[in-house]
Amino acid sequence: MLHVISTGRQSFWDWLDITVRIHEEADYIHIREKTWNADRIQEAVHHLEERKVPRSKIIINNHPELAAHMDLAGVHLPETSPFPQVPSFSARKGCSVHSREAAVRKEQEGADYLFFGHIFETDSKAGKPARGLHDLRELTAAVSIPVTAIGGITPDNAARCLEQGASGVAVMSGIYEALDPKTAVQAYRGALPKGGRT
């Protein structure tokens, strides 16, 4: 699985243009724009839909009610946020975790998937040690829900994450800030084993 996450560093229209160009190679597109309110997110989703990006591959950060109302693929929440306890909430619920203990707890609380990282050194986490493949392997073994590796992922190391039990990888700047995002996303897609789009 290939998750592509917005960086918050593009203008609205640059983000939209890149997303439209890369979405066919991505399994999920995450709208992670901390400065956008609910109205802006709805506008973004409508623009994507007009450009043939299906709601079934759009995940938004926070705003679980909006994710449910717009029938999006899912909502991604901080580790400390509770999941919606509404029987009719059908969107996938995920969160980022930073330890095996947190992963086990969030699965028990109802998470459908987890992000874990940062796996490799990355400029966005300068000065913070990477968690590494060993910790990734221990965490994936401790839970039964899908775990996506994030942080410092490149086409050269993506498959190594899957070898440790990850169901996929998540990429931000490696695609959105690449000189050619379309070529970049194709490189990530090509690095994942066949069958990685389930």
Protein backbone atom coordinates (compact mmCIF):
# COMPACT_ATOMS: atom_id res chain seq x y z
CA MET A 1 0.00 0.00 0.00
CA LEU A 2 1.23 3.46 -0.86
CA HIS A 3 -0.07 6.36 1.22
CA VAL A 4 0.81 9.85 -0.02
CA ILE A 5 0.47 12.65 2.53
CA SER A 6 0.33 16.39 1.89
CA THR A 7 3.10 18.43 3.48
CA GLY A 8 1.36 21.68 4.35
CA ARG A 9 4.02 23.55 2.41
CA GLN A 10 2.34 23.90 -0.98
CA SER A 11 -0.27 26.45 -1.96
CA PHE A 12 -3.79 25.08 -2.32
CA TRP A 13 -3.58 25.06 -6.10
CA ASP A 14 -0.08 23.57 -6.24
CA TRP A 15 -1.22 20.82 -3.86
CA LEU A 16 -4.29 20.18 -6.02
CA ASP A 17 -2.27 20.02 -9.23
CA ILE A 18 0.26 17.57 -7.78
CA THR A 19 -2.44 15.40 -6.21
CA VAL A 20 -4.34 15.07 -9.47
CA ARG A 21 -1.13 14.04 -11.26
CA ILE A 22 -0.07 11.40 -8.73
CA HIS A 23 -3.29 9.89 -7.42
CA GLU A 24 -3.51 7.00 -9.87
CA GLU A 25 -0.29 5.53 -8.46
CA ALA A 26 -1.34 5.99 -4.81
CA ASP A 27 -3.65 3.79 -2.80
CA TYR A 28 -4.59 6.63 -0.46
CA ILE A 29 -4.22 10.40 -0.54
CA HIS A 30 -4.04 12.02 2.90
CA ILE A 31 -5.08 15.64 3.33
CA ARG A 32 -2.90 16.73 6.25
CA GLU A 33 -3.23 20.50 6.18
CA LYS A 34 -3.22 21.84 9.72
CA THR A 35 -4.25 25.35 8.71
CA TRP A 36 -7.31 24.27 6.71
CA ASN A 37 -10.71 24.41 8.35
CA ALA A 38 -13.59 22.09 7.52
CA ASP A 39 -14.87 24.33 4.73
CA ARG A 40 -11.46 24.36 3.04
CA ILE A 41 -11.20 20.59 3.29
CA GLN A 42 -14.64 20.16 1.73
CA GLU A 43 -13.61 22.50 -1.08
CA ALA A 44 -10.46 20.44 -1.62
CA VAL A 45 -12.41 17.18 -1.78
CA HIS A 46 -14.87 18.65 -4.28
CA HIS A 47 -12.03 19.88 -6.49
CA LEU A 48 -10.41 16.45 -6.37
CA GLU A 49 -13.67 14.73 -7.22
CA GLU A 50 -14.20 17.04 -10.20
CA ARG A 51 -10.78 15.91 -11.41
CA LYS A 52 -11.60 12.19 -11.10
CA VAL A 53 -9.93 11.55 -7.73
CA PRO A 54 -12.41 9.25 -5.95
CA ARG A 55 -13.48 9.87 -2.38
CA SER A 56 -12.72 6.21 -1.71
CA LYS A 57 -9.00 6.98 -1.63
CA ILE A 58 -9.13 10.26 0.34
CA ILE A 59 -8.24 10.28 4.05
CA ILE A 60 -8.33 13.48 6.07
CA ASN A 61 -6.54 14.35 9.29
CA ASN A 62 -8.85 15.11 12.20
CA HIS A 63 -12.48 16.08 11.46
CA PRO A 64 -14.03 12.59 11.87
CA GLU A 65 -17.54 13.99 11.46
CA LEU A 66 -16.57 15.50 8.12
CA ALA A 67 -15.00 12.24 6.96
CA ALA A 68 -18.23 10.43 7.75
CA HIS A 69 -20.46 13.12 6.24
CA MET A 70 -18.49 13.17 2.97
CA ASP A 71 -18.18 9.39 2.81
CA LEU A 72 -14.39 9.51 2.62
CA ALA A 73 -12.05 6.54 2.91
CA GLY A 74 -11.00 7.43 6.41
CA VAL A 75 -9.85 9.80 9.11
CA HIS A 76 -6.38 9.97 10.65
CA LEU A 77 -6.15 11.16 14.25
CA PRO A 78 -3.35 11.97 16.70
CA GLU A 79 -2.31 9.24 19.11
CA THR A 80 -3.95 11.10 22.00
CA SER A 81 -7.33 11.62 20.31
CA PRO A 82 -10.23 9.23 20.99
CA PHE A 83 -11.87 7.47 18.08
CA PRO A 84 -15.51 8.24 17.23
CA GLN A 85 -17.78 5.84 19.10
CA VAL A 86 -20.65 5.99 16.63
CA PRO A 87 -22.03 2.71 15.21
CA SER A 88 -22.83 4.35 11.87
CA PHE A 89 -19.27 5.68 11.43
CA SER A 90 -18.02 3.64 8.49
CA ALA A 91 -14.83 5.50 7.54
CA ARG A 92 -11.55 3.79 8.43
CA LYS A 93 -10.03 5.13 11.64
CA GLY A 94 -6.27 5.39 11.94
CA CYS A 95 -3.63 7.14 13.95
CA SER A 96 0.12 7.58 14.28
CA VAL A 97 1.85 5.77 17.13
CA HIS A 98 5.39 5.91 18.44
CA SER A 99 5.68 2.77 20.56
CA ARG A 100 4.56 -0.85 20.64
CA GLU A 101 2.53 -0.18 23.79
CA ALA A 102 0.64 2.65 22.11
CA ALA A 103 -0.02 0.46 19.07
CA VAL A 104 -1.58 -2.27 21.20
CA ARG A 105 -3.68 0.28 23.07
CA LYS A 106 -4.95 2.00 19.93
CA GLU A 107 -5.91 -1.35 18.38
CA GLN A 108 -7.92 -2.13 21.50
CA GLU A 109 -9.59 1.29 21.23
CA GLY A 110 -10.79 0.53 17.71
CA ALA A 111 -8.11 1.64 15.26
CA ASP A 112 -8.42 0.11 11.80
CA TYR A 113 -4.81 0.89 10.89
CA LEU A 114 -1.68 2.52 12.34
CA PHE A 115 1.22 4.64 11.13
CA PHE A 116 4.57 4.04 12.84
CA GLY A 117 7.78 6.02 12.49
CA HIS A 118 9.97 7.64 11.80
CA ILE A 119 11.66 4.50 10.53
CA PHE A 120 14.69 6.11 8.89
CA GLU A 121 16.52 9.39 9.44
CA THR A 122 14.65 12.30 7.92
CA ASP A 123 15.16 16.06 7.73
CA SER A 124 11.72 16.70 9.20
CA LYS A 125 12.78 14.88 12.39
CA ALA A 126 16.33 16.23 12.59
CA GLY A 127 18.01 15.39 15.88
CA LYS A 128 15.54 12.63 16.74
CA PRO A 129 16.83 9.06 16.40
CA ALA A 130 15.05 6.87 13.88
CA ARG A 131 13.04 3.99 15.32
CA GLY A 132 14.45 1.58 12.80
CA LEU A 133 13.40 -1.67 11.21
CA HIS A 134 13.82 -3.71 14.39
CA ASP A 135 11.21 -1.64 16.25
CA LEU A 136 8.96 -1.81 13.20
CA ARG A 137 9.16 -5.60 13.20
CA GLU A 138 8.35 -5.80 16.93
CA LEU A 139 5.39 -3.47 16.56
CA THR A 140 3.86 -5.23 13.56
CA ALA A 141 4.13 -8.52 15.44
CA ALA A 142 2.27 -7.06 18.42
CA VAL A 143 -0.91 -6.04 16.58
CA SER A 144 -3.27 -7.63 14.08
CA ILE A 145 -4.25 -4.48 12.17
CA PRO A 146 -2.27 -3.00 9.24
CA VAL A 147 0.79 -0.91 10.10
CA THR A 148 2.16 1.63 7.63
CA ALA A 149 5.80 2.70 7.90
CA ILE A 150 6.56 6.42 7.68
CA GLY A 151 9.62 8.61 7.92
CA GLY A 152 12.59 8.69 5.60
CA ILE A 153 10.99 6.23 3.19
CA THR A 154 12.62 6.11 -0.26
CA PRO A 155 12.13 3.83 -3.25
CA ASP A 156 15.35 2.09 -2.19
CA ASN A 157 14.20 1.19 1.33
CA ALA A 158 10.41 0.86 0.95
CA ALA A 159 10.43 -2.91 0.39
CA ARG A 160 12.55 -3.41 3.53
CA CYS A 161 9.66 -2.04 5.58
CA LEU A 162 7.27 -4.58 4.11
CA GLU A 163 9.76 -7.34 4.93
CA GLN A 164 9.34 -6.37 8.60
CA GLY A 165 5.58 -6.81 8.48
CA ALA A 166 4.42 -3.36 7.40
CA SER A 167 1.39 -3.36 5.11
CA GLY A 168 2.66 -0.33 3.24
CA VAL A 169 4.61 2.90 3.35
CA ALA A 170 3.67 6.56 3.65
CA VAL A 171 5.48 9.36 1.85
CA MET A 172 5.25 13.14 2.14
CA SER A 173 8.06 15.32 0.79
CA GLY A 174 9.58 12.49 -1.24
CA ILE A 175 6.65 12.90 -3.62
CA TYR A 176 5.04 16.28 -3.00
CA GLU A 177 8.37 18.13 -2.98
CA ALA A 178 10.07 16.12 -5.71
CA LEU A 179 11.19 17.92 -8.86
CA ASP A 180 8.85 15.64 -10.78
CA PRO A 181 6.15 14.26 -8.43
CA LYS A 182 4.73 11.96 -11.11
CA THR A 183 8.08 10.28 -11.71
CA ALA A 184 8.66 10.10 -7.95
CA VAL A 185 5.36 8.38 -7.19
CA GLN A 186 5.99 5.92 -10.01
CA ALA A 187 9.36 5.07 -8.46
CA TYR A 188 7.73 4.35 -5.10
CA ARG A 189 5.01 2.28 -6.75
CA GLY A 190 7.60 0.31 -8.68
CA ALA A 191 9.53 -0.38 -5.47
CA LEU A 192 6.59 -2.10 -3.81
CA PRO A 193 6.03 -5.81 -4.45
CA LYS A 194 3.27 -6.92 -6.76
CA GLY A 195 0.04 -7.20 -4.85
CA GLY A 196 0.90 -4.20 -2.71
CA ARG A 197 -2.23 -2.37 -3.79
CA THR A 198 -4.71 -4.60 -1.96
